[in-house]
N, C-alpha and C. Protein backbone atom coordinates (compact mmCIF):
# COMPACT_ATOMS: atom_id res chain seq x y z
N UNK A 1 0.83 -1.21 0.00
CA UNK A 1 0.00 0.00 0.00
C UNK A 1 0.86 1.26 0.00
N UNK A 2 1.90 1.22 0.83
CA UNK A 2 2.78 2.38 0.88
C UNK A 2 3.44 2.64 -0.46
N UNK A 3 3.81 1.56 -1.17
CA UNK A 3 4.44 1.71 -2.49
C UNK A 3 3.47 2.36 -3.46
N UNK A 4 2.21 1.98 -3.42
CA UNK A 4 1.20 2.57 -4.31
C UNK A 4 1.02 4.05 -4.01
N UNK A 5 1.02 4.41 -2.72
CA UNK A 5 0.88 5.82 -2.34
C UNK A 5 2.06 6.64 -2.85
N UNK A 6 3.25 6.06 -2.72
CA UNK A 6 4.44 6.77 -3.19
C UNK A 6 4.40 6.97 -4.70
N UNK A 7 3.94 5.95 -5.42
CA UNK A 7 3.83 6.06 -6.87
C UNK A 7 2.82 7.14 -7.25
N UNK A 8 1.72 7.19 -6.50
CA UNK A 8 0.69 8.20 -6.77
C UNK A 8 1.24 9.61 -6.59
N UNK A 9 2.00 9.82 -5.50
CA UNK A 9 2.61 11.14 -5.25
C UNK A 9 3.58 11.50 -6.35
N UNK A 10 4.38 10.52 -6.80
CA UNK A 10 5.35 10.76 -7.87
C UNK A 10 4.66 11.17 -9.17
N UNK A 11 3.55 10.48 -9.49
CA UNK A 11 2.81 10.80 -10.72
C UNK A 11 2.23 12.21 -10.66
N UNK A 12 1.69 12.58 -9.50
CA UNK A 12 1.14 13.93 -9.34
C UNK A 12 2.22 14.99 -9.48
N UNK A 13 3.39 14.74 -8.90
CA UNK A 13 4.49 15.70 -8.99
C UNK A 13 4.97 15.84 -10.42
N UNK A 14 5.08 14.71 -11.13
CA UNK A 14 5.52 14.74 -12.52
C UNK A 14 4.51 15.48 -13.38
N UNK A 15 3.23 15.30 -13.09
CA UNK A 15 2.18 15.99 -13.83
C UNK A 15 2.27 17.48 -13.64
N UNK A 16 2.58 17.91 -12.41
CA UNK A 16 2.70 19.35 -12.13
C UNK A 16 3.86 19.96 -12.89
N UNK A 17 4.98 19.24 -12.96
CA UNK A 17 6.15 19.74 -13.69
C UNK A 17 5.85 19.92 -15.16
N UNK A 18 5.04 19.02 -15.72
CA UNK A 18 4.75 19.03 -17.15
C UNK A 18 3.53 19.87 -17.52
N UNK A 19 2.96 20.61 -16.55
CA UNK A 19 1.82 21.46 -16.87
C UNK A 19 2.24 22.54 -17.86
N UNK A 20 1.35 22.95 -18.78
CA UNK A 20 1.70 23.98 -19.75
C UNK A 20 1.96 25.32 -19.08
N UNK A 21 2.77 26.13 -19.71
CA UNK A 21 3.13 27.44 -19.21
C UNK A 21 1.92 28.35 -19.36
N UNK A 22 1.24 28.72 -18.28
CA UNK A 22 0.00 29.49 -18.35
C UNK A 22 0.17 30.89 -17.83
N UNK A 23 -0.78 31.75 -18.20
CA UNK A 23 -0.75 33.13 -17.72
C UNK A 23 -0.90 33.18 -16.21
N UNK A 24 -1.71 32.28 -15.63
CA UNK A 24 -1.91 32.29 -14.20
C UNK A 24 -0.59 32.06 -13.45
N UNK A 25 0.25 31.19 -13.98
CA UNK A 25 1.52 30.89 -13.32
C UNK A 25 2.50 32.05 -13.40
N UNK A 26 2.26 32.97 -14.32
CA UNK A 26 3.18 34.08 -14.52
C UNK A 26 2.88 35.28 -13.65
N UNK A 27 1.63 35.40 -13.17
CA UNK A 27 1.19 36.61 -12.49
C UNK A 27 2.09 36.95 -11.31
N UNK A 28 2.57 35.93 -10.59
CA UNK A 28 3.41 36.17 -9.42
C UNK A 28 4.71 36.87 -9.77
N UNK A 29 5.16 36.76 -11.03
CA UNK A 29 6.43 37.36 -11.43
C UNK A 29 6.26 38.81 -11.88
N UNK A 30 5.03 39.28 -11.98
CA UNK A 30 4.75 40.59 -12.51
C UNK A 30 4.12 41.48 -11.43
N UNK A 31 4.18 42.82 -11.57
CA UNK A 31 4.72 43.55 -12.71
C UNK A 31 6.24 43.69 -12.67
N UNK A 32 6.81 43.97 -13.84
CA UNK A 32 8.23 44.25 -13.99
C UNK A 32 8.36 45.68 -14.54
N UNK A 33 9.22 46.48 -13.94
CA UNK A 33 9.47 47.83 -14.45
C UNK A 33 10.97 48.14 -14.36
N UNK A 34 11.43 48.98 -15.28
CA UNK A 34 12.82 49.44 -15.23
C UNK A 34 12.91 50.79 -15.93
N UNK A 35 13.21 51.83 -15.13
CA UNK A 35 13.38 53.18 -15.68
C UNK A 35 14.84 53.58 -15.70
N UNK A 36 15.74 52.67 -15.30
CA UNK A 36 17.20 52.85 -15.32
C UNK A 36 17.70 53.91 -14.35
N UNK A 37 16.84 54.42 -13.48
CA UNK A 37 17.28 55.46 -12.56
C UNK A 37 18.30 54.94 -11.55
N UNK A 38 18.22 53.64 -11.23
CA UNK A 38 19.18 53.06 -10.28
C UNK A 38 20.35 52.39 -10.99
N UNK A 39 20.37 52.44 -12.32
CA UNK A 39 21.41 51.75 -13.09
C UNK A 39 22.71 52.55 -13.13
N UNK A 40 23.81 51.84 -13.25
CA UNK A 40 25.13 52.48 -13.35
C UNK A 40 25.34 52.98 -14.77
N UNK A 41 25.86 54.20 -14.89
CA UNK A 41 26.11 54.78 -16.20
C UNK A 41 27.18 53.98 -16.96
N UNK A 42 27.07 54.01 -18.28
CA UNK A 42 28.03 53.38 -19.20
C UNK A 42 28.12 51.87 -19.02
N UNK A 43 27.02 51.27 -18.59
CA UNK A 43 26.97 49.82 -18.43
C UNK A 43 25.56 49.34 -18.80
N UNK A 44 25.35 48.04 -18.72
CA UNK A 44 24.04 47.45 -18.95
C UNK A 44 23.63 46.71 -17.68
N UNK A 45 22.40 46.87 -17.21
CA UNK A 45 21.98 46.14 -16.00
C UNK A 45 22.26 44.64 -16.13
N UNK A 46 22.74 44.03 -15.05
CA UNK A 46 23.15 42.63 -15.09
C UNK A 46 22.03 41.69 -15.50
N UNK A 47 20.80 42.05 -15.21
CA UNK A 47 19.66 41.18 -15.53
C UNK A 47 19.39 41.11 -17.04
N UNK A 48 19.94 42.04 -17.81
CA UNK A 48 19.68 42.09 -19.24
C UNK A 48 20.57 41.11 -19.99
N UNK A 49 20.05 40.55 -21.06
CA UNK A 49 20.84 39.71 -21.95
C UNK A 49 20.99 40.45 -23.28
N UNK A 50 22.17 40.95 -23.55
CA UNK A 50 22.44 41.68 -24.79
C UNK A 50 22.66 40.67 -25.92
N UNK A 51 21.78 40.67 -26.91
CA UNK A 51 21.92 39.77 -28.05
C UNK A 51 23.03 40.27 -28.97
N UNK A 52 23.08 41.57 -29.14
CA UNK A 52 24.14 42.21 -29.93
C UNK A 52 23.97 43.71 -29.80
N UNK A 53 25.06 44.44 -29.94
CA UNK A 53 24.99 45.90 -29.88
C UNK A 53 25.66 46.46 -28.64
N UNK A 54 26.21 47.66 -28.77
CA UNK A 54 26.94 48.32 -27.68
C UNK A 54 25.99 49.15 -26.82
N UNK A 55 24.95 48.52 -26.29
CA UNK A 55 24.00 49.21 -25.42
C UNK A 55 24.71 49.68 -24.15
N UNK A 56 24.28 50.84 -23.63
CA UNK A 56 24.83 51.34 -22.37
C UNK A 56 23.85 52.36 -21.79
N UNK A 57 23.81 52.44 -20.47
CA UNK A 57 22.97 53.42 -19.79
C UNK A 57 23.62 54.80 -19.90
N UNK A 58 22.84 55.77 -20.35
CA UNK A 58 23.30 57.15 -20.48
C UNK A 58 22.35 58.06 -19.71
N UNK A 59 22.72 59.33 -19.62
CA UNK A 59 21.89 60.29 -18.88
C UNK A 59 21.87 61.63 -19.60
N UNK A 60 20.70 62.26 -19.61
CA UNK A 60 20.58 63.60 -20.18
C UNK A 60 19.51 64.36 -19.41
N UNK A 61 19.86 65.57 -19.00
CA UNK A 61 18.95 66.43 -18.21
C UNK A 61 18.30 65.67 -17.05
N UNK A 62 19.10 64.86 -16.37
CA UNK A 62 18.62 64.16 -15.19
C UNK A 62 17.84 62.89 -15.44
N UNK A 63 17.67 62.51 -16.69
CA UNK A 63 16.92 61.30 -17.03
C UNK A 63 17.87 60.23 -17.57
N UNK A 64 17.80 59.04 -16.99
CA UNK A 64 18.62 57.92 -17.47
C UNK A 64 17.82 57.05 -18.44
N UNK A 65 18.53 56.44 -19.37
CA UNK A 65 17.91 55.59 -20.38
C UNK A 65 18.97 54.64 -20.92
N UNK A 66 18.52 53.61 -21.63
CA UNK A 66 19.44 52.68 -22.29
C UNK A 66 19.61 53.15 -23.73
N UNK A 67 20.86 53.35 -24.15
CA UNK A 67 21.11 53.91 -25.48
C UNK A 67 21.85 52.92 -26.37
N UNK A 68 21.40 52.85 -27.62
CA UNK A 68 22.08 52.10 -28.67
C UNK A 68 22.79 53.11 -29.56
N UNK A 69 24.11 53.00 -29.75
CA UNK A 69 24.84 53.99 -30.57
C UNK A 69 24.34 54.03 -32.01
N UNK A 70 24.68 55.11 -32.70
CA UNK A 70 24.24 55.30 -34.08
C UNK A 70 25.04 54.51 -35.10
N UNK A 71 26.03 53.76 -34.69
CA UNK A 71 26.82 52.92 -35.59
C UNK A 71 27.31 51.71 -34.80
N UNK A 72 27.50 50.57 -35.48
CA UNK A 72 27.30 50.33 -36.91
C UNK A 72 25.82 50.16 -37.27
N UNK A 73 25.55 50.06 -38.57
CA UNK A 73 24.19 49.88 -39.05
C UNK A 73 23.86 48.40 -39.11
N UNK A 74 23.05 47.96 -38.18
CA UNK A 74 22.62 46.56 -38.12
C UNK A 74 21.48 46.48 -37.12
N UNK A 75 20.90 45.30 -36.97
CA UNK A 75 19.83 45.10 -36.00
C UNK A 75 20.44 44.62 -34.68
N UNK A 76 20.04 45.26 -33.58
CA UNK A 76 20.58 44.95 -32.27
C UNK A 76 19.43 44.81 -31.27
N UNK A 77 19.65 44.01 -30.24
CA UNK A 77 18.57 43.80 -29.29
C UNK A 77 19.03 43.36 -27.92
N UNK A 78 18.08 43.44 -26.99
CA UNK A 78 18.30 43.07 -25.59
C UNK A 78 17.07 42.31 -25.11
N UNK A 79 17.28 41.25 -24.32
CA UNK A 79 16.20 40.54 -23.66
C UNK A 79 16.16 40.95 -22.19
N UNK A 80 14.96 41.04 -21.62
CA UNK A 80 14.84 41.47 -20.23
C UNK A 80 13.57 40.89 -19.62
N UNK A 81 13.50 40.96 -18.28
CA UNK A 81 12.32 40.50 -17.58
C UNK A 81 12.24 38.99 -17.46
N UNK A 82 11.14 38.48 -16.87
CA UNK A 82 10.97 37.04 -16.68
C UNK A 82 10.58 36.33 -17.97
N UNK A 83 10.71 35.02 -17.96
CA UNK A 83 10.28 34.20 -19.09
C UNK A 83 8.76 34.01 -19.01
N UNK A 84 8.05 34.40 -20.08
CA UNK A 84 6.59 34.42 -20.09
C UNK A 84 6.05 33.76 -21.34
N UNK A 85 4.77 33.40 -21.30
CA UNK A 85 4.15 32.76 -22.46
C UNK A 85 3.08 33.65 -23.08
N UNK A 86 2.01 33.95 -22.34
CA UNK A 86 0.94 34.78 -22.88
C UNK A 86 0.22 35.46 -21.73
N UNK A 87 -0.82 36.24 -22.08
CA UNK A 87 -1.56 36.98 -21.06
C UNK A 87 -0.78 38.14 -20.49
N UNK A 88 0.11 38.73 -21.29
CA UNK A 88 0.97 39.81 -20.80
C UNK A 88 1.05 40.95 -21.82
N UNK A 89 1.49 42.11 -21.32
CA UNK A 89 1.74 43.26 -22.18
C UNK A 89 3.10 43.85 -21.83
N UNK A 90 3.91 44.12 -22.83
CA UNK A 90 5.20 44.79 -22.64
C UNK A 90 5.11 46.17 -23.25
N UNK A 91 5.69 47.15 -22.58
CA UNK A 91 5.66 48.52 -23.11
C UNK A 91 6.99 49.22 -22.85
N UNK A 92 7.24 50.26 -23.62
CA UNK A 92 8.45 51.06 -23.48
C UNK A 92 8.24 52.38 -24.19
N UNK A 93 9.07 53.35 -23.85
CA UNK A 93 9.09 54.56 -24.67
C UNK A 93 10.46 54.63 -25.32
N UNK A 94 10.45 55.03 -26.59
CA UNK A 94 11.66 54.95 -27.42
C UNK A 94 11.86 56.27 -28.16
N UNK A 95 13.12 56.70 -28.24
CA UNK A 95 13.46 57.98 -28.88
C UNK A 95 14.44 57.74 -30.02
N UNK A 96 14.17 58.36 -31.15
CA UNK A 96 15.09 58.28 -32.29
C UNK A 96 14.98 59.53 -33.14
N UNK A 97 15.96 59.73 -34.00
CA UNK A 97 15.95 60.87 -34.91
C UNK A 97 16.27 60.40 -36.32
N UNK A 98 15.83 61.19 -37.30
CA UNK A 98 16.15 60.91 -38.69
C UNK A 98 17.28 61.80 -39.18
N UNK A 99 17.84 61.43 -40.31
CA UNK A 99 18.91 62.22 -40.92
C UNK A 99 18.74 62.17 -42.42
N UNK A 100 18.33 63.29 -42.99
CA UNK A 100 17.95 63.36 -44.40
C UNK A 100 16.83 62.35 -44.67
N UNK A 101 17.05 61.37 -45.52
CA UNK A 101 16.00 60.39 -45.80
C UNK A 101 16.24 59.06 -45.09
N UNK A 102 17.07 59.09 -44.09
CA UNK A 102 17.38 57.87 -43.35
C UNK A 102 16.72 57.93 -41.98
N UNK A 103 16.11 56.82 -41.59
CA UNK A 103 15.38 56.75 -40.33
C UNK A 103 15.68 55.43 -39.62
N UNK A 104 15.60 55.44 -38.29
CA UNK A 104 15.83 54.19 -37.55
C UNK A 104 14.58 53.30 -37.60
N UNK A 105 14.71 52.06 -37.18
CA UNK A 105 13.57 51.22 -36.83
C UNK A 105 13.77 50.78 -35.38
N UNK A 106 12.67 50.53 -34.69
CA UNK A 106 12.76 50.12 -33.29
C UNK A 106 11.51 49.35 -32.90
N UNK A 107 11.64 48.51 -31.86
CA UNK A 107 10.51 47.65 -31.50
C UNK A 107 10.55 47.23 -30.04
N UNK A 108 9.41 46.75 -29.57
CA UNK A 108 9.32 45.98 -28.32
C UNK A 108 8.81 44.60 -28.70
N UNK A 109 9.17 43.58 -27.90
CA UNK A 109 8.80 42.23 -28.26
C UNK A 109 8.48 41.35 -27.07
N UNK A 110 7.87 40.21 -27.37
CA UNK A 110 7.54 39.19 -26.38
C UNK A 110 7.97 37.82 -26.88
N UNK A 111 8.17 36.89 -25.96
CA UNK A 111 8.44 35.48 -26.28
C UNK A 111 9.80 35.25 -26.93
N UNK A 112 10.79 36.02 -26.50
CA UNK A 112 12.15 35.77 -26.93
C UNK A 112 12.51 36.37 -28.27
N UNK A 113 13.73 36.08 -28.70
CA UNK A 113 14.26 36.67 -29.93
C UNK A 113 13.48 36.24 -31.17
N UNK A 114 12.93 35.03 -31.16
CA UNK A 114 12.16 34.55 -32.30
C UNK A 114 10.67 34.73 -32.13
N UNK A 115 10.26 35.51 -31.15
CA UNK A 115 8.84 35.70 -30.86
C UNK A 115 8.21 36.84 -31.64
N UNK A 116 7.38 37.62 -30.95
CA UNK A 116 6.59 38.66 -31.59
C UNK A 116 7.19 40.03 -31.32
N UNK A 117 7.17 40.89 -32.33
CA UNK A 117 7.69 42.24 -32.19
C UNK A 117 6.69 43.25 -32.75
N UNK A 118 6.55 44.35 -32.05
CA UNK A 118 5.81 45.52 -32.55
C UNK A 118 6.85 46.53 -32.98
N UNK A 119 6.97 46.73 -34.28
CA UNK A 119 8.06 47.56 -34.82
C UNK A 119 7.53 48.81 -35.51
N UNK A 120 8.17 49.94 -35.21
CA UNK A 120 7.93 51.19 -35.95
C UNK A 120 8.98 51.28 -37.04
N UNK A 121 8.52 51.41 -38.29
CA UNK A 121 9.41 51.47 -39.46
C UNK A 121 9.17 52.79 -40.19
N UNK A 122 9.80 53.89 -39.72
CA UNK A 122 9.52 55.22 -40.27
C UNK A 122 9.78 55.36 -41.76
N UNK A 123 10.81 54.70 -42.30
CA UNK A 123 11.11 54.83 -43.73
C UNK A 123 9.97 54.29 -44.58
N UNK A 124 9.28 53.29 -44.07
CA UNK A 124 8.12 52.71 -44.77
C UNK A 124 6.81 53.35 -44.34
N UNK A 125 6.89 54.25 -43.35
CA UNK A 125 5.71 54.91 -42.77
C UNK A 125 4.69 53.87 -42.32
N UNK A 126 5.17 52.87 -41.60
CA UNK A 126 4.31 51.79 -41.13
C UNK A 126 4.65 51.38 -39.71
N UNK A 127 3.67 50.70 -39.10
CA UNK A 127 3.88 49.91 -37.90
C UNK A 127 3.68 48.47 -38.32
N UNK A 128 4.54 47.58 -37.82
CA UNK A 128 4.48 46.18 -38.25
C UNK A 128 4.50 45.24 -37.04
N UNK A 129 3.83 44.12 -37.19
CA UNK A 129 3.95 43.02 -36.23
C UNK A 129 4.77 41.93 -36.91
N UNK A 130 5.84 41.54 -36.25
CA UNK A 130 6.72 40.48 -36.73
C UNK A 130 6.55 39.24 -35.86
N UNK A 131 6.71 38.08 -36.47
CA UNK A 131 6.96 36.85 -35.74
C UNK A 131 8.30 36.34 -36.25
N UNK A 132 9.31 36.38 -35.40
CA UNK A 132 10.66 36.12 -35.88
C UNK A 132 11.07 37.19 -36.86
N UNK A 133 11.45 36.78 -38.06
CA UNK A 133 11.85 37.74 -39.10
C UNK A 133 10.77 37.96 -40.15
N UNK A 134 9.56 37.47 -39.89
CA UNK A 134 8.48 37.53 -40.88
C UNK A 134 7.44 38.56 -40.47
N UNK A 135 7.10 39.47 -41.39
CA UNK A 135 6.06 40.46 -41.14
C UNK A 135 4.69 39.78 -41.24
N UNK A 136 3.90 39.89 -40.17
CA UNK A 136 2.58 39.27 -40.13
C UNK A 136 1.45 40.28 -40.35
N UNK A 137 1.70 41.54 -40.04
CA UNK A 137 0.68 42.58 -40.22
C UNK A 137 1.37 43.93 -40.35
N UNK A 138 0.73 44.86 -41.06
CA UNK A 138 1.31 46.18 -41.29
C UNK A 138 0.19 47.21 -41.45
N UNK A 139 0.36 48.38 -40.84
CA UNK A 139 -0.61 49.47 -40.99
C UNK A 139 0.16 50.78 -41.17
N UNK A 140 -0.42 51.77 -41.85
CA UNK A 140 0.26 53.05 -42.04
C UNK A 140 0.46 53.78 -40.70
N UNK A 141 1.57 54.51 -40.62
CA UNK A 141 1.83 55.31 -39.42
C UNK A 141 2.85 56.39 -39.75
N UNK A 142 2.56 57.62 -39.35
CA UNK A 142 3.48 58.74 -39.55
C UNK A 142 4.22 59.01 -38.24
N UNK A 143 5.47 58.64 -38.21
CA UNK A 143 6.30 58.83 -37.02
C UNK A 143 6.91 60.22 -37.02
N UNK A 144 7.03 60.82 -35.84
CA UNK A 144 7.67 62.12 -35.70
C UNK A 144 9.04 61.95 -35.09
N UNK A 145 10.07 62.35 -35.83
CA UNK A 145 11.44 62.22 -35.34
C UNK A 145 11.70 63.20 -34.20
N UNK A 146 12.61 62.81 -33.32
CA UNK A 146 13.03 63.72 -32.27
C UNK A 146 12.09 63.82 -31.09
N UNK A 147 11.16 62.89 -30.96
CA UNK A 147 10.30 62.87 -29.78
C UNK A 147 10.17 61.43 -29.29
N UNK A 148 9.85 61.27 -28.01
CA UNK A 148 9.66 59.94 -27.45
C UNK A 148 8.36 59.35 -27.96
N UNK A 149 8.40 58.09 -28.32
CA UNK A 149 7.23 57.35 -28.79
C UNK A 149 6.99 56.17 -27.87
N UNK A 150 5.75 55.94 -27.50
CA UNK A 150 5.41 54.81 -26.63
C UNK A 150 4.87 53.64 -27.46
N UNK A 151 5.34 52.44 -27.12
CA UNK A 151 4.90 51.22 -27.77
C UNK A 151 4.41 50.24 -26.71
N UNK A 152 3.32 49.53 -26.99
CA UNK A 152 2.80 48.49 -26.10
C UNK A 152 2.36 47.31 -26.93
N UNK A 153 2.84 46.14 -26.58
CA UNK A 153 2.52 44.91 -27.30
C UNK A 153 1.88 43.92 -26.33
N UNK A 154 0.69 43.42 -26.69
CA UNK A 154 -0.06 42.50 -25.85
C UNK A 154 -0.24 41.16 -26.55
N UNK A 155 -0.06 40.08 -25.81
CA UNK A 155 -0.32 38.73 -26.33
C UNK A 155 -1.31 38.07 -25.39
N UNK A 156 -2.52 37.78 -25.91
CA UNK A 156 -3.60 37.25 -25.08
C UNK A 156 -4.23 36.03 -25.72
N UNK A 157 -4.51 34.99 -24.97
CA UNK A 157 -5.23 33.85 -25.53
C UNK A 157 -6.69 34.21 -25.78
N UNK A 158 -7.27 33.68 -26.87
CA UNK A 158 -8.68 33.85 -27.18
C UNK A 158 -9.40 32.51 -27.01
N UNK A 159 -10.69 32.51 -27.24
CA UNK A 159 -11.42 31.25 -27.20
C UNK A 159 -10.98 30.38 -28.37
N UNK A 160 -10.77 29.09 -28.12
CA UNK A 160 -10.25 28.23 -29.17
C UNK A 160 -8.74 28.34 -29.21
N UNK A 161 -8.11 27.63 -30.13
CA UNK A 161 -6.64 27.62 -30.20
C UNK A 161 -6.08 28.82 -30.96
N UNK A 162 -6.39 30.04 -30.50
CA UNK A 162 -5.86 31.26 -31.13
C UNK A 162 -5.41 32.24 -30.05
N UNK A 163 -4.50 33.12 -30.44
CA UNK A 163 -3.99 34.16 -29.56
C UNK A 163 -4.06 35.49 -30.29
N UNK A 164 -4.40 36.54 -29.57
CA UNK A 164 -4.49 37.88 -30.15
C UNK A 164 -3.20 38.65 -29.87
N UNK A 165 -2.54 39.09 -30.93
CA UNK A 165 -1.33 39.92 -30.81
C UNK A 165 -1.76 41.35 -31.15
N UNK A 166 -1.66 42.22 -30.17
CA UNK A 166 -2.22 43.58 -30.29
C UNK A 166 -1.15 44.62 -30.00
N UNK A 167 -1.01 45.60 -30.88
CA UNK A 167 -0.03 46.65 -30.69
C UNK A 167 -0.66 48.03 -30.62
N UNK A 168 -0.09 48.86 -29.76
CA UNK A 168 -0.49 50.26 -29.67
C UNK A 168 0.76 51.13 -29.75
N UNK A 169 0.68 52.22 -30.52
CA UNK A 169 1.79 53.15 -30.66
C UNK A 169 1.23 54.57 -30.56
N UNK A 170 1.88 55.41 -29.76
CA UNK A 170 1.40 56.78 -29.62
C UNK A 170 2.53 57.69 -29.14
N UNK A 171 2.36 58.99 -29.35
CA UNK A 171 3.37 59.97 -28.94
C UNK A 171 3.38 60.10 -27.43
N UNK A 172 4.57 60.11 -26.85
CA UNK A 172 4.71 60.27 -25.41
C UNK A 172 4.08 61.59 -24.98
N UNK A 173 3.31 61.55 -23.90
CA UNK A 173 2.62 62.74 -23.42
C UNK A 173 1.19 62.82 -23.89
N UNK A 174 0.83 62.03 -24.88
CA UNK A 174 -0.55 61.96 -25.36
C UNK A 174 -1.24 60.75 -24.74
N UNK A 175 -2.57 60.74 -24.69
CA UNK A 175 -3.28 59.58 -24.14
C UNK A 175 -3.04 58.34 -25.00
N UNK A 176 -2.97 57.18 -24.36
CA UNK A 176 -2.83 55.94 -25.10
C UNK A 176 -4.10 55.67 -25.90
N UNK A 177 -3.99 55.08 -27.08
CA UNK A 177 -5.18 54.77 -27.89
C UNK A 177 -6.13 53.84 -27.12
N UNK A 178 -7.43 54.05 -27.30
CA UNK A 178 -8.42 53.20 -26.64
C UNK A 178 -8.57 51.86 -27.35
N UNK A 179 -8.18 51.82 -28.61
CA UNK A 179 -8.24 50.57 -29.38
C UNK A 179 -6.86 50.27 -29.98
N UNK A 180 -6.69 49.06 -30.44
CA UNK A 180 -5.39 48.66 -30.98
C UNK A 180 -5.03 49.44 -32.24
N UNK A 181 -3.75 49.78 -32.36
CA UNK A 181 -3.24 50.40 -33.58
C UNK A 181 -3.07 49.35 -34.67
N UNK A 182 -2.72 48.12 -34.25
CA UNK A 182 -2.49 47.03 -35.19
C UNK A 182 -2.82 45.71 -34.50
N UNK A 183 -3.37 44.75 -35.26
CA UNK A 183 -3.79 43.45 -34.71
C UNK A 183 -3.35 42.32 -35.61
N UNK A 184 -3.10 41.16 -35.00
CA UNK A 184 -2.85 39.93 -35.74
C UNK A 184 -3.22 38.75 -34.87
N UNK A 185 -3.76 37.69 -35.45
CA UNK A 185 -4.14 36.51 -34.70
C UNK A 185 -3.17 35.36 -34.97
N UNK A 186 -2.69 34.76 -33.88
CA UNK A 186 -1.75 33.64 -33.93
C UNK A 186 -2.51 32.34 -33.76
N UNK A 187 -2.21 31.34 -34.59
CA UNK A 187 -2.88 30.05 -34.49
C UNK A 187 -2.01 28.97 -33.85
N UNK A 188 -0.71 29.27 -33.66
CA UNK A 188 0.19 28.31 -33.02
C UNK A 188 0.48 28.76 -31.58
N UNK A 189 0.55 27.79 -30.68
CA UNK A 189 0.79 28.11 -29.28
C UNK A 189 2.14 28.80 -29.12
N UNK A 190 2.15 29.99 -28.47
CA UNK A 190 3.40 30.73 -28.30
C UNK A 190 4.40 29.97 -27.43
N UNK A 191 5.66 30.12 -27.75
CA UNK A 191 6.73 29.54 -26.97
C UNK A 191 7.16 30.53 -25.89
N UNK A 192 7.25 30.13 -24.62
CA UNK A 192 7.66 31.06 -23.57
C UNK A 192 9.02 31.68 -23.86
N UNK A 193 9.18 32.93 -23.49
CA UNK A 193 10.44 33.62 -23.68
C UNK A 193 10.42 34.96 -22.98
N UNK A 194 11.54 35.65 -22.98
CA UNK A 194 11.66 36.95 -22.33
C UNK A 194 11.23 38.07 -23.27
N UNK A 195 10.92 39.22 -22.69
CA UNK A 195 10.59 40.40 -23.48
C UNK A 195 11.85 40.96 -24.14
N UNK A 196 11.66 41.84 -25.13
CA UNK A 196 12.81 42.38 -25.85
C UNK A 196 12.59 43.82 -26.27
N UNK A 197 13.69 44.50 -26.50
CA UNK A 197 13.72 45.77 -27.23
C UNK A 197 14.77 45.62 -28.31
N UNK A 198 14.48 46.16 -29.49
CA UNK A 198 15.43 46.09 -30.60
C UNK A 198 15.48 47.41 -31.34
N UNK A 199 16.57 47.62 -32.05
CA UNK A 199 16.70 48.83 -32.84
C UNK A 199 17.71 48.67 -33.96
N UNK A 200 17.52 49.42 -35.01
CA UNK A 200 18.48 49.50 -36.11
C UNK A 200 18.70 50.98 -36.43
N UNK A 201 19.88 51.54 -36.14
CA UNK A 201 20.13 52.97 -36.33
C UNK A 201 20.48 53.33 -37.77
N UNK A 202 19.54 53.10 -38.69
CA UNK A 202 19.80 53.41 -40.09
C UNK A 202 20.19 54.87 -40.32
N UNK A 203 19.77 55.76 -39.42
CA UNK A 203 20.06 57.19 -39.59
C UNK A 203 21.41 57.59 -39.03
N UNK A 204 22.18 56.61 -38.51
CA UNK A 204 23.48 56.88 -37.89
C UNK A 204 23.37 57.76 -36.65
N UNK A 205 22.21 57.75 -36.01
CA UNK A 205 22.01 58.49 -34.77
C UNK A 205 21.52 57.51 -33.70
N UNK A 206 21.82 57.78 -32.42
CA UNK A 206 21.48 56.83 -31.36
C UNK A 206 19.96 56.62 -31.22
N UNK A 207 19.61 55.46 -30.67
CA UNK A 207 18.23 55.15 -30.30
C UNK A 207 18.21 54.96 -28.79
N UNK A 208 17.22 55.56 -28.13
CA UNK A 208 17.14 55.50 -26.67
C UNK A 208 15.88 54.75 -26.23
N UNK A 209 16.02 53.97 -25.15
CA UNK A 209 14.92 53.15 -24.62
C UNK A 209 14.75 53.47 -23.14
N UNK A 210 13.51 53.62 -22.71
CA UNK A 210 13.26 53.97 -21.32
C UNK A 210 11.90 53.41 -20.87
N UNK A 211 11.70 53.40 -19.56
CA UNK A 211 10.42 53.02 -18.94
C UNK A 211 9.92 51.68 -19.46
N UNK A 212 10.77 50.66 -19.36
CA UNK A 212 10.36 49.31 -19.74
C UNK A 212 9.38 48.77 -18.70
N UNK A 213 8.35 48.08 -19.18
CA UNK A 213 7.32 47.58 -18.28
C UNK A 213 6.70 46.31 -18.83
N UNK A 214 6.43 45.35 -17.94
CA UNK A 214 5.70 44.14 -18.29
C UNK A 214 4.62 43.93 -17.23
N UNK A 215 3.37 43.81 -17.68
CA UNK A 215 2.24 43.64 -16.77
C UNK A 215 1.32 42.53 -17.28
N UNK A 216 0.52 41.96 -16.38
CA UNK A 216 -0.52 41.03 -16.85
C UNK A 216 -1.50 41.78 -17.75
N UNK A 217 -1.94 41.15 -18.81
CA UNK A 217 -2.93 41.76 -19.70
C UNK A 217 -4.30 41.71 -19.04
N UNK A 218 -5.12 42.68 -19.33
CA UNK A 218 -6.47 42.72 -18.76
C UNK A 218 -7.38 41.78 -19.54
């Protein structure tokens, strides 16, 4: 009898380990915020995973932020926060400038480097949702250089085997949109991963990231 009881406990424990990664299990890890005010200048917070790029904390007029230099021209990114699956929203405010007809691109993302990204692409005058390196949705958008822009990306499960990927983009200091700026529906179960910020300084000018936040989606 004791052997049967032990086997039963083992099966229950194994079942718990193999439970799917759910939004409910993630709530205890959230919210996550980082405004870099406590960060050391000219470094990257230890919790961050730099995929590529010479990111460093900088300061201007008393405000600290994470800065990506204006060269070289390539795509660079950082992973941050806890490992999550769905039922979450990541947001940040991002600053960039243009130079003649050259403009940067920048994004916030969920579910790791190969996951979902909400990208502002000023040269194309669009906002795009990416999954990995593939554009899944695109809408027109007129970006204003030289001001902070806020981005928020939400990944939420829907009824049935689908997930809603929702992006909002707006000028810092203005009210957030009441409805999504861009939408796309995912039919494959998302793979858990960390949130991300990425940038490509096509204009040869720095890109700045601030007020990173991850919260449970409503």
